[in-house]
Amino acid sequence: MKKIETIIRPEAFSTLRHNLDEFGINGLTVSEVAGCGLQKGQEGIFRGNRYEIKLYPKIKVEMVVEDIQVDSVIDIIISSCATGQVGDGKIFISTVEEVIRIRTGEHGNAALA
């Protein structure tokens, strides 16, 4: 099993959610986050004072999938979220040793469904 974490633009989330749902990925954890990367800071003016915005609002989507689903999920994320501009986001993949459903005690892939 793999944990896929992706950080995306907020406006891309509804498309991503729809496409993951159609693929059969229903279990997601979604967080509103802020961060920076290659995007340059923006400068704004408020009441004559200059200020710099260094963190941008993003959405972090986390899911655990079976190993055979990883490549398909990555393709869905890229096709749903890529605009070709700096700031489209990142995908992080890590190995998950075990999953246990608290309600039933099921382990492994059975706990993912």
N, C-alpha and C. Protein backbone atom coordinates (compact mmCIF):
# COMPACT_ATOMS: atom_id res chain seq x y z
N MET A 1 0.84 -1.17 0.00
CA MET A 1 0.00 0.00 0.00
C MET A 1 0.89 1.24 0.00
N LYS A 2 0.37 2.29 -0.60
CA LYS A 2 1.10 3.55 -0.68
C LYS A 2 0.21 4.69 -0.20
N LYS A 3 0.84 5.64 0.46
CA LYS A 3 0.15 6.88 0.82
C LYS A 3 0.55 7.93 -0.21
N ILE A 4 -0.44 8.53 -0.82
CA ILE A 4 -0.20 9.59 -1.80
C ILE A 4 -0.68 10.89 -1.17
N GLU A 5 0.24 11.83 -1.05
CA GLU A 5 -0.09 13.17 -0.58
C GLU A 5 0.15 14.11 -1.73
N THR A 6 -0.81 14.94 -2.02
CA THR A 6 -0.63 15.92 -3.08
C THR A 6 -1.06 17.29 -2.59
N ILE A 7 -0.30 18.28 -2.98
CA ILE A 7 -0.62 19.66 -2.64
C ILE A 7 -0.95 20.35 -3.95
N ILE A 8 -2.16 20.90 -4.02
CA ILE A 8 -2.67 21.43 -5.28
C ILE A 8 -3.27 22.83 -5.09
N ARG A 9 -3.57 23.45 -6.20
CA ARG A 9 -4.28 24.73 -6.18
C ARG A 9 -5.72 24.48 -5.71
N PRO A 10 -6.28 25.37 -4.90
CA PRO A 10 -7.65 25.17 -4.42
C PRO A 10 -8.68 25.03 -5.54
N GLU A 11 -8.50 25.75 -6.63
CA GLU A 11 -9.48 25.71 -7.71
C GLU A 11 -9.47 24.38 -8.47
N ALA A 12 -8.43 23.57 -8.28
CA ALA A 12 -8.35 22.27 -8.97
C ALA A 12 -9.01 21.14 -8.17
N PHE A 13 -9.37 21.40 -6.92
CA PHE A 13 -9.83 20.31 -6.07
C PHE A 13 -11.13 19.66 -6.56
N SER A 14 -12.10 20.43 -6.98
CA SER A 14 -13.39 19.83 -7.37
C SER A 14 -13.22 18.89 -8.56
N THR A 15 -12.40 19.25 -9.52
CA THR A 15 -12.13 18.38 -10.66
C THR A 15 -11.42 17.11 -10.21
N LEU A 16 -10.41 17.27 -9.35
CA LEU A 16 -9.68 16.12 -8.84
C LEU A 16 -10.61 15.19 -8.07
N ARG A 17 -11.42 15.74 -7.21
CA ARG A 17 -12.35 14.92 -6.41
C ARG A 17 -13.29 14.13 -7.31
N HIS A 18 -13.84 14.77 -8.31
CA HIS A 18 -14.75 14.11 -9.24
C HIS A 18 -14.04 12.96 -9.96
N ASN A 19 -12.83 13.21 -10.46
CA ASN A 19 -12.11 12.19 -11.22
C ASN A 19 -11.66 11.02 -10.34
N LEU A 20 -11.26 11.31 -9.11
CA LEU A 20 -10.91 10.22 -8.19
C LEU A 20 -12.13 9.39 -7.83
N ASP A 21 -13.26 10.04 -7.64
CA ASP A 21 -14.50 9.33 -7.33
C ASP A 21 -14.90 8.40 -8.47
N GLU A 22 -14.77 8.88 -9.70
CA GLU A 22 -15.09 8.04 -10.86
C GLU A 22 -14.15 6.84 -10.98
N PHE A 23 -12.91 7.00 -10.53
CA PHE A 23 -11.94 5.90 -10.55
C PHE A 23 -12.19 4.91 -9.42
N GLY A 24 -12.92 5.35 -8.39
CA GLY A 24 -13.22 4.46 -7.27
C GLY A 24 -12.46 4.78 -6.00
N ILE A 25 -11.78 5.91 -5.97
CA ILE A 25 -11.09 6.33 -4.75
C ILE A 25 -12.06 7.21 -3.96
N ASN A 26 -12.54 6.68 -2.85
CA ASN A 26 -13.53 7.41 -2.05
C ASN A 26 -12.97 7.95 -0.74
N GLY A 27 -11.91 7.35 -0.25
CA GLY A 27 -11.35 7.75 1.04
C GLY A 27 -10.27 8.79 0.88
N LEU A 28 -10.55 9.99 1.30
CA LEU A 28 -9.60 11.10 1.22
C LEU A 28 -9.55 11.85 2.53
N THR A 29 -8.41 12.42 2.83
CA THR A 29 -8.30 13.43 3.88
C THR A 29 -7.89 14.71 3.19
N VAL A 30 -8.63 15.78 3.44
CA VAL A 30 -8.40 17.05 2.76
C VAL A 30 -8.16 18.14 3.80
N SER A 31 -7.09 18.90 3.60
CA SER A 31 -6.75 19.99 4.52
C SER A 31 -6.48 21.26 3.73
N GLU A 32 -6.86 22.38 4.31
CA GLU A 32 -6.48 23.67 3.75
C GLU A 32 -5.13 24.03 4.35
N VAL A 33 -4.15 24.29 3.50
CA VAL A 33 -2.80 24.59 3.95
C VAL A 33 -2.30 25.84 3.23
N ALA A 34 -1.15 26.32 3.63
CA ALA A 34 -0.50 27.44 2.94
C ALA A 34 0.96 27.08 2.80
N GLY A 35 1.56 27.50 1.69
CA GLY A 35 2.97 27.17 1.49
C GLY A 35 3.58 27.98 0.38
N CYS A 36 4.87 27.71 0.17
CA CYS A 36 5.58 28.39 -0.89
C CYS A 36 6.58 27.43 -1.50
N GLY A 37 6.96 27.72 -2.70
CA GLY A 37 7.92 26.91 -3.44
C GLY A 37 8.60 27.81 -4.44
N LEU A 38 8.48 27.45 -5.71
CA LEU A 38 9.10 28.25 -6.75
C LEU A 38 8.32 29.52 -7.06
N GLN A 39 7.09 29.62 -6.58
CA GLN A 39 6.32 30.83 -6.82
C GLN A 39 7.00 32.00 -6.14
N LYS A 40 7.12 33.07 -6.84
CA LYS A 40 7.72 34.26 -6.24
C LYS A 40 6.68 34.94 -5.37
N GLY A 41 7.16 35.63 -4.36
CA GLY A 41 6.24 36.38 -3.51
C GLY A 41 5.58 37.50 -4.29
N GLN A 42 4.39 37.85 -3.87
CA GLN A 42 3.69 38.97 -4.50
C GLN A 42 3.79 40.18 -3.58
N GLU A 43 3.79 41.33 -4.18
CA GLU A 43 3.82 42.54 -3.39
C GLU A 43 2.47 43.22 -3.52
N GLY A 44 1.97 43.66 -2.41
CA GLY A 44 0.70 44.36 -2.41
C GLY A 44 0.84 45.70 -1.73
N ILE A 45 -0.15 46.54 -1.91
CA ILE A 45 -0.17 47.84 -1.24
C ILE A 45 -1.51 47.96 -0.52
N PHE A 46 -1.45 48.24 0.77
CA PHE A 46 -2.66 48.42 1.57
C PHE A 46 -2.51 49.73 2.33
N ARG A 47 -3.38 50.68 2.04
CA ARG A 47 -3.36 52.00 2.67
C ARG A 47 -1.99 52.66 2.58
N GLY A 48 -1.38 52.51 1.41
CA GLY A 48 -0.10 53.15 1.16
C GLY A 48 1.11 52.39 1.67
N ASN A 49 0.89 51.28 2.36
CA ASN A 49 2.02 50.48 2.86
C ASN A 49 2.22 49.26 1.98
N ARG A 50 3.47 49.01 1.66
CA ARG A 50 3.79 47.82 0.86
C ARG A 50 3.92 46.62 1.79
N TYR A 51 3.46 45.48 1.30
CA TYR A 51 3.62 44.24 2.05
C TYR A 51 3.85 43.11 1.06
N GLU A 52 4.46 42.03 1.53
CA GLU A 52 4.79 40.90 0.67
C GLU A 52 4.01 39.67 1.14
N ILE A 53 3.42 38.98 0.18
CA ILE A 53 2.71 37.74 0.46
C ILE A 53 3.67 36.59 0.12
N LYS A 54 4.05 35.80 1.11
CA LYS A 54 5.02 34.74 0.87
C LYS A 54 4.39 33.35 0.87
N LEU A 55 3.22 33.20 1.44
CA LEU A 55 2.56 31.90 1.49
C LEU A 55 1.28 31.96 0.67
N TYR A 56 1.05 30.89 -0.08
CA TYR A 56 -0.12 30.82 -0.94
C TYR A 56 -1.07 29.75 -0.42
N PRO A 57 -2.37 29.99 -0.52
CA PRO A 57 -3.33 28.96 -0.07
C PRO A 57 -3.28 27.76 -1.02
N LYS A 58 -3.27 26.59 -0.43
CA LYS A 58 -3.24 25.32 -1.18
C LYS A 58 -4.19 24.34 -0.51
N ILE A 59 -4.44 23.24 -1.20
CA ILE A 59 -5.22 22.13 -0.65
C ILE A 59 -4.30 20.92 -0.61
N LYS A 60 -4.27 20.25 0.54
CA LYS A 60 -3.50 19.02 0.68
C LYS A 60 -4.49 17.85 0.70
N VAL A 61 -4.30 16.92 -0.23
CA VAL A 61 -5.16 15.74 -0.35
C VAL A 61 -4.32 14.52 -0.05
N GLU A 62 -4.78 13.70 0.91
CA GLU A 62 -4.06 12.50 1.29
C GLU A 62 -4.96 11.29 1.07
N MET A 63 -4.36 10.20 0.57
CA MET A 63 -5.12 8.96 0.38
C MET A 63 -4.16 7.79 0.47
N VAL A 64 -4.67 6.63 0.87
CA VAL A 64 -3.89 5.40 0.87
C VAL A 64 -4.54 4.48 -0.14
N VAL A 65 -3.72 3.97 -1.07
CA VAL A 65 -4.24 3.14 -2.15
C VAL A 65 -3.42 1.86 -2.26
N GLU A 66 -3.97 0.89 -2.96
CA GLU A 66 -3.23 -0.34 -3.24
C GLU A 66 -2.10 -0.02 -4.22
N ASP A 67 -1.03 -0.81 -4.16
CA ASP A 67 0.13 -0.56 -5.01
C ASP A 67 -0.22 -0.50 -6.49
N ILE A 68 -1.15 -1.34 -6.93
CA ILE A 68 -1.49 -1.39 -8.36
C ILE A 68 -2.26 -0.15 -8.83
N GLN A 69 -2.77 0.66 -7.89
CA GLN A 69 -3.53 1.86 -8.25
C GLN A 69 -2.67 3.10 -8.34
N VAL A 70 -1.43 3.04 -7.87
CA VAL A 70 -0.60 4.25 -7.72
C VAL A 70 -0.42 4.99 -9.04
N ASP A 71 -0.01 4.31 -10.10
CA ASP A 71 0.24 4.98 -11.37
C ASP A 71 -1.02 5.63 -11.92
N SER A 72 -2.16 4.96 -11.80
CA SER A 72 -3.42 5.53 -12.29
C SER A 72 -3.81 6.76 -11.49
N VAL A 73 -3.63 6.71 -10.17
CA VAL A 73 -3.97 7.87 -9.34
C VAL A 73 -3.06 9.05 -9.66
N ILE A 74 -1.79 8.79 -9.88
CA ILE A 74 -0.87 9.86 -10.25
C ILE A 74 -1.30 10.50 -11.58
N ASP A 75 -1.68 9.68 -12.55
CA ASP A 75 -2.16 10.20 -13.83
C ASP A 75 -3.41 11.06 -13.64
N ILE A 76 -4.31 10.63 -12.76
CA ILE A 76 -5.53 11.41 -12.49
C ILE A 76 -5.18 12.75 -11.86
N ILE A 77 -4.27 12.73 -10.90
CA ILE A 77 -3.88 13.99 -10.24
C ILE A 77 -3.28 14.95 -11.26
N ILE A 78 -2.36 14.46 -12.07
CA ILE A 78 -1.70 15.34 -13.04
C ILE A 78 -2.69 15.87 -14.07
N SER A 79 -3.54 14.99 -14.60
CA SER A 79 -4.49 15.46 -15.62
C SER A 79 -5.54 16.41 -15.03
N SER A 80 -5.84 16.28 -13.76
CA SER A 80 -6.85 17.13 -13.11
C SER A 80 -6.29 18.47 -12.65
N CYS A 81 -5.00 18.52 -12.34
CA CYS A 81 -4.46 19.68 -11.64
C CYS A 81 -3.41 20.47 -12.41
N ALA A 82 -2.85 19.92 -13.46
CA ALA A 82 -1.77 20.60 -14.16
C ALA A 82 -2.29 21.74 -15.02
N THR A 83 -1.71 22.91 -14.84
CA THR A 83 -2.01 24.05 -15.70
C THR A 83 -0.79 24.44 -16.52
N GLY A 84 0.37 23.89 -16.15
CA GLY A 84 1.60 24.26 -16.82
C GLY A 84 2.27 25.47 -16.21
N GLN A 85 1.70 26.00 -15.15
CA GLN A 85 2.24 27.19 -14.49
C GLN A 85 2.94 26.80 -13.19
N VAL A 86 3.86 27.63 -12.77
CA VAL A 86 4.50 27.44 -11.47
C VAL A 86 3.41 27.48 -10.40
N GLY A 87 3.47 26.56 -9.45
CA GLY A 87 2.48 26.54 -8.36
C GLY A 87 1.42 25.49 -8.52
N ASP A 88 1.53 24.63 -9.54
CA ASP A 88 0.54 23.56 -9.72
C ASP A 88 0.56 22.57 -8.55
N GLY A 89 1.70 22.38 -7.90
CA GLY A 89 1.75 21.54 -6.72
C GLY A 89 2.77 20.43 -6.82
N LYS A 90 2.67 19.51 -5.87
CA LYS A 90 3.59 18.38 -5.77
C LYS A 90 2.81 17.14 -5.38
N ILE A 91 3.40 15.98 -5.68
CA ILE A 91 2.86 14.68 -5.27
C ILE A 91 3.96 13.97 -4.49
N PHE A 92 3.61 13.47 -3.30
CA PHE A 92 4.54 12.72 -2.47
C PHE A 92 3.99 11.32 -2.28
N ILE A 93 4.83 10.31 -2.44
CA ILE A 93 4.39 8.92 -2.31
C ILE A 93 5.27 8.23 -1.28
N SER A 94 4.63 7.56 -0.33
CA SER A 94 5.38 6.83 0.68
C SER A 94 4.72 5.47 0.93
N THR A 95 5.50 4.55 1.44
CA THR A 95 5.02 3.20 1.71
C THR A 95 4.26 3.17 3.03
N VAL A 96 3.14 2.46 3.04
CA VAL A 96 2.35 2.26 4.25
C VAL A 96 2.48 0.80 4.65
N GLU A 97 2.93 0.56 5.85
CA GLU A 97 3.15 -0.82 6.29
C GLU A 97 1.85 -1.54 6.62
N GLU A 98 0.90 -0.85 7.20
CA GLU A 98 -0.33 -1.52 7.62
C GLU A 98 -1.46 -0.51 7.73
N VAL A 99 -2.67 -0.97 7.45
CA VAL A 99 -3.88 -0.19 7.64
C VAL A 99 -4.83 -1.06 8.45
N ILE A 100 -5.46 -0.48 9.46
CA ILE A 100 -6.42 -1.20 10.29
C ILE A 100 -7.68 -0.36 10.41
N ARG A 101 -8.81 -0.95 10.07
CA ARG A 101 -10.10 -0.27 10.24
C ARG A 101 -10.48 -0.40 11.71
N ILE A 102 -10.65 0.70 12.39
CA ILE A 102 -10.93 0.69 13.83
C ILE A 102 -12.25 -0.01 14.14
N ARG A 103 -13.29 0.26 13.37
CA ARG A 103 -14.62 -0.29 13.64
C ARG A 103 -14.65 -1.81 13.62
N THR A 104 -14.00 -2.43 12.61
CA THR A 104 -14.11 -3.88 12.44
C THR A 104 -12.84 -4.65 12.75
N GLY A 105 -11.71 -3.94 12.84
CA GLY A 105 -10.45 -4.62 13.07
C GLY A 105 -9.83 -5.20 11.80
N GLU A 106 -10.43 -4.94 10.64
CA GLU A 106 -9.89 -5.46 9.37
C GLU A 106 -8.50 -4.86 9.13
N HIS A 107 -7.64 -5.66 8.50
CA HIS A 107 -6.27 -5.24 8.21
C HIS A 107 -6.04 -5.21 6.71
N GLY A 108 -5.00 -4.46 6.30
CA GLY A 108 -4.54 -4.47 4.92
C GLY A 108 -5.53 -3.88 3.94
N ASN A 109 -5.51 -4.44 2.70
CA ASN A 109 -6.36 -3.93 1.62
C ASN A 109 -7.84 -3.97 1.98
N ALA A 110 -8.25 -4.93 2.79
CA ALA A 110 -9.67 -5.03 3.19
C ALA A 110 -10.09 -3.80 3.98
N ALA A 111 -9.15 -3.19 4.69
CA ALA A 111 -9.46 -1.99 5.48
C ALA A 111 -9.54 -0.74 4.62
N LEU A 112 -9.05 -0.78 3.38
CA LEU A 112 -9.09 0.37 2.50
C LEU A 112 -10.46 0.56 1.86
N ALA A 113 -11.16 -0.53 1.61
CA ALA A 113 -12.44 -0.45 0.87
C ALA A 113 -13.53 0.16 1.72
